[in-house]
Amino acid sequence: NLTPEERFEVFGDKDPEQYAEEAEARWGNTEAYAESQRRAATYTKEDWKRIQAEVDDWGRRYAALVAAGEQPSGEAAMDLAEEHRQQISRNYFEVPYEMHRCFGEMYVSDERFKAFYDAMHPGLAEHLREAILANADRRTA
């Protein structure tokens, strides 16, 4: 429901609709997709700015963690992986640990996701995948 100007203000030159058709084709028949669409339809410009700020803050902190040489199985990395899962759950749809594991794999196997995360810091996509797996293991063991 954002005007073109508001979209630019929130997302910059990134088009949030760029992959809308692909997402609907891949996940359109899932409850998660329906929930995400329902929630997104209610968000104001301020909501999107808050969500974007959360993502940016998390990305800076995770990039710093990787740059500092923290291991993906360390508490700090697993805690940020858990925060990542909770952000998605809070803003879009509930993400159980098994789904988060699948996201981690997608972040390294899909070049678009890999590029997004690796732009924060080289190797971040793989590091995050490993932290997601370690976090899921500690939370579901």
C-alpha atoms as a PDB file:
ATOM      1  CA  ASN A   1       0.000   0.000   0.000  1.00  0.00           C
ATOM      2  CA  LEU A   2       3.004   2.317  -0.269  1.00  0.00           C
ATOM      3  CA  THR A   3       3.283   5.035  -2.870  1.00  0.00           C
ATOM      4  CA  PRO A   4       6.287   4.803  -5.224  1.00  0.00           C
ATOM      5  CA  GLU A   5       7.964   7.581  -3.227  1.00  0.00           C
ATOM      6  CA  GLU A   6       7.392   5.773   0.062  1.00  0.00           C
ATOM      7  CA  ARG A   7       8.725   2.507  -1.416  1.00  0.00           C
ATOM      8  CA  PHE A   8      11.904   4.276  -2.456  1.00  0.00           C
ATOM      9  CA  GLU A   9      12.186   5.890   0.980  1.00  0.00           C
ATOM     10  CA  VAL A  10      11.913   2.508   2.698  1.00  0.00           C
ATOM     11  CA  PHE A  11      13.614   0.138   0.255  1.00  0.00           C
ATOM     12  CA  GLY A  12      15.863   2.420  -1.789  1.00  0.00           C
ATOM     13  CA  ASP A  13      16.524   1.065  -5.255  1.00  0.00           C
ATOM     14  CA  LYS A  14      15.525  -2.475  -4.205  1.00  0.00           C
ATOM     15  CA  ASP A  15      12.158  -3.493  -5.619  1.00  0.00           C
ATOM     16  CA  PRO A  16      10.274  -5.551  -3.008  1.00  0.00           C
ATOM     17  CA  GLU A  17       7.958  -6.819  -5.766  1.00  0.00           C
ATOM     18  CA  GLN A  18      10.813  -8.097  -7.944  1.00  0.00           C
ATOM     19  CA  TYR A  19      10.364 -11.710  -6.876  1.00  0.00           C
ATOM     20  CA  ALA A  20       6.664 -11.611  -5.989  1.00  0.00           C
ATOM     21  CA  GLU A  21       5.547 -13.879  -8.838  1.00  0.00           C
ATOM     22  CA  GLU A  22       8.305 -16.396  -8.160  1.00  0.00           C
ATOM     23  CA  ALA A  23       7.493 -16.435  -4.446  1.00  0.00           C
ATOM     24  CA  GLU A  24       3.822 -16.994  -5.136  1.00  0.00           C
ATOM     25  CA  ALA A  25       4.615 -19.789  -7.597  1.00  0.00           C
ATOM     26  CA  ARG A  26       6.947 -21.518  -5.129  1.00  0.00           C
ATOM     27  CA  TRP A  27       5.111 -20.983  -1.849  1.00  0.00           C
ATOM     28  CA  GLY A  28       1.706 -19.542  -2.732  1.00  0.00           C
ATOM     29  CA  ASN A  29      -0.148 -22.608  -1.485  1.00  0.00           C
ATOM     30  CA  THR A  30       1.471 -22.575   1.978  1.00  0.00           C
ATOM     31  CA  GLU A  31       0.122 -21.195   5.216  1.00  0.00           C
ATOM     32  CA  ALA A  32       3.384 -19.282   5.714  1.00  0.00           C
ATOM     33  CA  TYR A  33       2.911 -17.430   2.426  1.00  0.00           C
ATOM     34  CA  ALA A  34      -0.702 -16.576   3.250  1.00  0.00           C
ATOM     35  CA  GLU A  35       0.291 -15.322   6.700  1.00  0.00           C
ATOM     36  CA  SER A  36       3.113 -13.235   5.254  1.00  0.00           C
ATOM     37  CA  GLN A  37       0.759 -11.660   2.709  1.00  0.00           C
ATOM     38  CA  ARG A  38      -1.824 -10.955   5.395  1.00  0.00           C
ATOM     39  CA  ARG A  39       0.688  -9.278   7.705  1.00  0.00           C
ATOM     40  CA  ALA A  40       2.437  -7.310   4.949  1.00  0.00           C
ATOM     41  CA  ALA A  41      -0.882  -5.878   3.792  1.00  0.00           C
ATOM     42  CA  THR A  42      -1.325  -4.185   7.178  1.00  0.00           C
ATOM     43  CA  TYR A  43       2.133  -2.595   7.382  1.00  0.00           C
ATOM     44  CA  THR A  44       2.546   1.150   7.133  1.00  0.00           C
ATOM     45  CA  LYS A  45       5.608   3.001   5.894  1.00  0.00           C
ATOM     46  CA  GLU A  46       6.741   3.300   9.515  1.00  0.00           C
ATOM     47  CA  ASP A  47       6.344  -0.459  10.016  1.00  0.00           C
ATOM     48  CA  TRP A  48       8.489  -1.173   6.935  1.00  0.00           C
ATOM     49  CA  LYS A  49      11.113   1.314   8.101  1.00  0.00           C
ATOM     50  CA  ARG A  50      11.213  -0.357  11.531  1.00  0.00           C
ATOM     51  CA  ILE A  51      11.555  -3.811   9.950  1.00  0.00           C
ATOM     52  CA  GLN A  52      14.289  -2.574   7.601  1.00  0.00           C
ATOM     53  CA  ALA A  53      16.139  -0.976  10.523  1.00  0.00           C
ATOM     54  CA  GLU A  54      15.973  -4.286  12.428  1.00  0.00           C
ATOM     55  CA  VAL A  55      17.369  -6.158   9.432  1.00  0.00           C
ATOM     56  CA  ASP A  56      20.137  -3.599   8.918  1.00  0.00           C
ATOM     57  CA  ASP A  57      21.094  -3.636  12.601  1.00  0.00           C
ATOM     58  CA  TRP A  58      21.151  -7.443  12.675  1.00  0.00           C
ATOM     59  CA  GLY A  59      23.275  -7.491   9.494  1.00  0.00           C
ATOM     60  CA  ARG A  60      25.840  -5.084  10.946  1.00  0.00           C
ATOM     61  CA  ARG A  61      26.112  -7.130  14.125  1.00  0.00           C
ATOM     62  CA  TYR A  62      26.374 -10.432  12.267  1.00  0.00           C
ATOM     63  CA  ALA A  63      28.998  -9.043   9.865  1.00  0.00           C
ATOM     64  CA  ALA A  64      31.035  -7.800  12.846  1.00  0.00           C
ATOM     65  CA  LEU A  65      30.794 -11.238  14.433  1.00  0.00           C
ATOM     66  CA  VAL A  66      32.084 -12.914  11.255  1.00  0.00           C
ATOM     67  CA  ALA A  67      34.850 -10.307  10.867  1.00  0.00           C
ATOM     68  CA  ALA A  68      35.929 -10.984  14.463  1.00  0.00           C
ATOM     69  CA  GLY A  69      36.392 -14.672  13.626  1.00  0.00           C
ATOM     70  CA  GLU A  70      33.573 -15.993  15.795  1.00  0.00           C
ATOM     71  CA  GLN A  71      32.694 -19.596  15.066  1.00  0.00           C
ATOM     72  CA  PRO A  72      29.192 -20.412  13.749  1.00  0.00           C
ATOM     73  CA  SER A  73      28.727 -22.855  16.635  1.00  0.00           C
ATOM     74  CA  GLY A  74      29.591 -20.203  19.213  1.00  0.00           C
ATOM     75  CA  GLU A  75      26.955 -18.763  21.504  1.00  0.00           C
ATOM     76  CA  ALA A  76      27.072 -15.311  19.896  1.00  0.00           C
ATOM     77  CA  ALA A  77      26.521 -16.662  16.369  1.00  0.00           C
ATOM     78  CA  MET A  78      23.779 -19.028  17.469  1.00  0.00           C
ATOM     79  CA  ASP A  79      22.089 -16.198  19.384  1.00  0.00           C
ATOM     80  CA  LEU A  80      22.099 -14.027  16.256  1.00  0.00           C
ATOM     81  CA  ALA A  81      20.790 -16.948  14.204  1.00  0.00           C
ATOM     82  CA  GLU A  82      17.959 -17.245  16.718  1.00  0.00           C
ATOM     83  CA  GLU A  83      17.315 -13.513  16.474  1.00  0.00           C
ATOM     84  CA  HIS A  84      17.143 -13.896  12.674  1.00  0.00           C
ATOM     85  CA  ARG A  85      14.517 -16.641  13.047  1.00  0.00           C
ATOM     86  CA  GLN A  86      12.528 -14.584  15.523  1.00  0.00           C
ATOM     87  CA  GLN A  87      12.572 -11.497  13.281  1.00  0.00           C
ATOM     88  CA  ILE A  88      11.028 -13.478  10.442  1.00  0.00           C
ATOM     89  CA  SER A  89       8.500 -15.036  12.829  1.00  0.00           C
ATOM     90  CA  ARG A  90       7.572 -11.676  14.316  1.00  0.00           C
ATOM     91  CA  ASN A  91       7.286  -9.805  11.024  1.00  0.00           C
ATOM     92  CA  TYR A  92       6.156 -12.329   8.404  1.00  0.00           C
ATOM     93  CA  PHE A  93       5.260 -15.871   9.501  1.00  0.00           C
ATOM     94  CA  GLU A  94       6.146 -18.419  12.145  1.00  0.00           C
ATOM     95  CA  VAL A  95       9.474 -20.097  11.383  1.00  0.00           C
ATOM     96  CA  PRO A  96       9.951 -23.443  13.122  1.00  0.00           C
ATOM     97  CA  TYR A  97      13.538 -24.654  13.455  1.00  0.00           C
ATOM     98  CA  GLU A  98      13.218 -27.176  10.642  1.00  0.00           C
ATOM     99  CA  MET A  99      12.078 -24.422   8.279  1.00  0.00           C
ATOM    100  CA  HIS A 100      14.934 -22.198   9.443  1.00  0.00           C
ATOM    101  CA  ARG A 101      17.347 -25.031   8.594  1.00  0.00           C
ATOM    102  CA  CYS A 102      15.901 -25.025   5.064  1.00  0.00           C
ATOM    103  CA  PHE A 103      16.357 -21.247   4.880  1.00  0.00           C
ATOM    104  CA  GLY A 104      19.998 -21.662   5.838  1.00  0.00           C
ATOM    105  CA  GLU A 105      20.513 -24.080   2.970  1.00  0.00           C
ATOM    106  CA  MET A 106      18.705 -21.734   0.591  1.00  0.00           C
ATOM    107  CA  TYR A 107      20.970 -18.861   1.667  1.00  0.00           C
ATOM    108  CA  VAL A 108      23.962 -20.682   0.189  1.00  0.00           C
ATOM    109  CA  SER A 109      22.341 -22.554  -2.701  1.00  0.00           C
ATOM    110  CA  ASP A 110      20.387 -19.632  -4.213  1.00  0.00           C
ATOM    111  CA  GLU A 111      22.865 -17.140  -5.643  1.00  0.00           C
ATOM    112  CA  ARG A 112      20.565 -14.195  -4.915  1.00  0.00           C
ATOM    113  CA  PHE A 113      20.404 -14.959  -1.201  1.00  0.00           C
ATOM    114  CA  LYS A 114      24.109 -15.783  -1.127  1.00  0.00           C
ATOM    115  CA  ALA A 115      24.932 -12.447  -2.756  1.00  0.00           C
ATOM    116  CA  PHE A 116      22.665 -10.596  -0.307  1.00  0.00           C
ATOM    117  CA  TYR A 117      24.334 -12.096   2.759  1.00  0.00           C
ATOM    118  CA  ASP A 118      27.868 -12.124   1.375  1.00  0.00           C
ATOM    119  CA  ALA A 119      27.519  -8.417   0.578  1.00  0.00           C
ATOM    120  CA  MET A 120      27.394  -7.860   4.342  1.00  0.00           C
ATOM    121  CA  HIS A 121      30.716  -9.692   4.735  1.00  0.00           C
ATOM    122  CA  PRO A 122      32.456 -12.258   2.503  1.00  0.00           C
ATOM    123  CA  GLY A 123      31.505 -15.770   3.602  1.00  0.00           C
ATOM    124  CA  LEU A 124      28.597 -14.617   5.739  1.00  0.00           C
ATOM    125  CA  ALA A 125      26.040 -16.809   3.928  1.00  0.00           C
ATOM    126  CA  GLU A 126      27.900 -20.021   4.766  1.00  0.00           C
ATOM    127  CA  HIS A 127      28.630 -18.846   8.299  1.00  0.00           C
ATOM    128  CA  LEU A 128      24.962 -18.034   8.862  1.00  0.00           C
ATOM    129  CA  ARG A 129      23.865 -21.395   7.494  1.00  0.00           C
ATOM    130  CA  GLU A 130      26.152 -23.151   9.965  1.00  0.00           C
ATOM    131  CA  ALA A 131      24.960 -20.947  12.831  1.00  0.00           C
ATOM    132  CA  ILE A 132      21.331 -21.651  11.923  1.00  0.00           C
ATOM    133  CA  LEU A 133      22.015 -25.395  11.942  1.00  0.00           C
ATOM    134  CA  ALA A 134      23.889 -25.190  15.258  1.00  0.00           C
ATOM    135  CA  ASN A 135      21.138 -23.074  16.795  1.00  0.00           C
ATOM    136  CA  ALA A 136      18.426 -25.475  15.629  1.00  0.00           C
ATOM    137  CA  ASP A 137      20.419 -28.384  17.062  1.00  0.00           C
ATOM    138  CA  ARG A 138      20.764 -26.736  20.475  1.00  0.00           C
ATOM    139  CA  ARG A 139      17.105 -25.670  20.564  1.00  0.00           C
ATOM    140  CA  THR A 140      15.636 -28.999  19.469  1.00  0.00           C
ATOM    141  CA  ALA A 141      18.015 -31.407  21.207  1.00  0.00           C
END
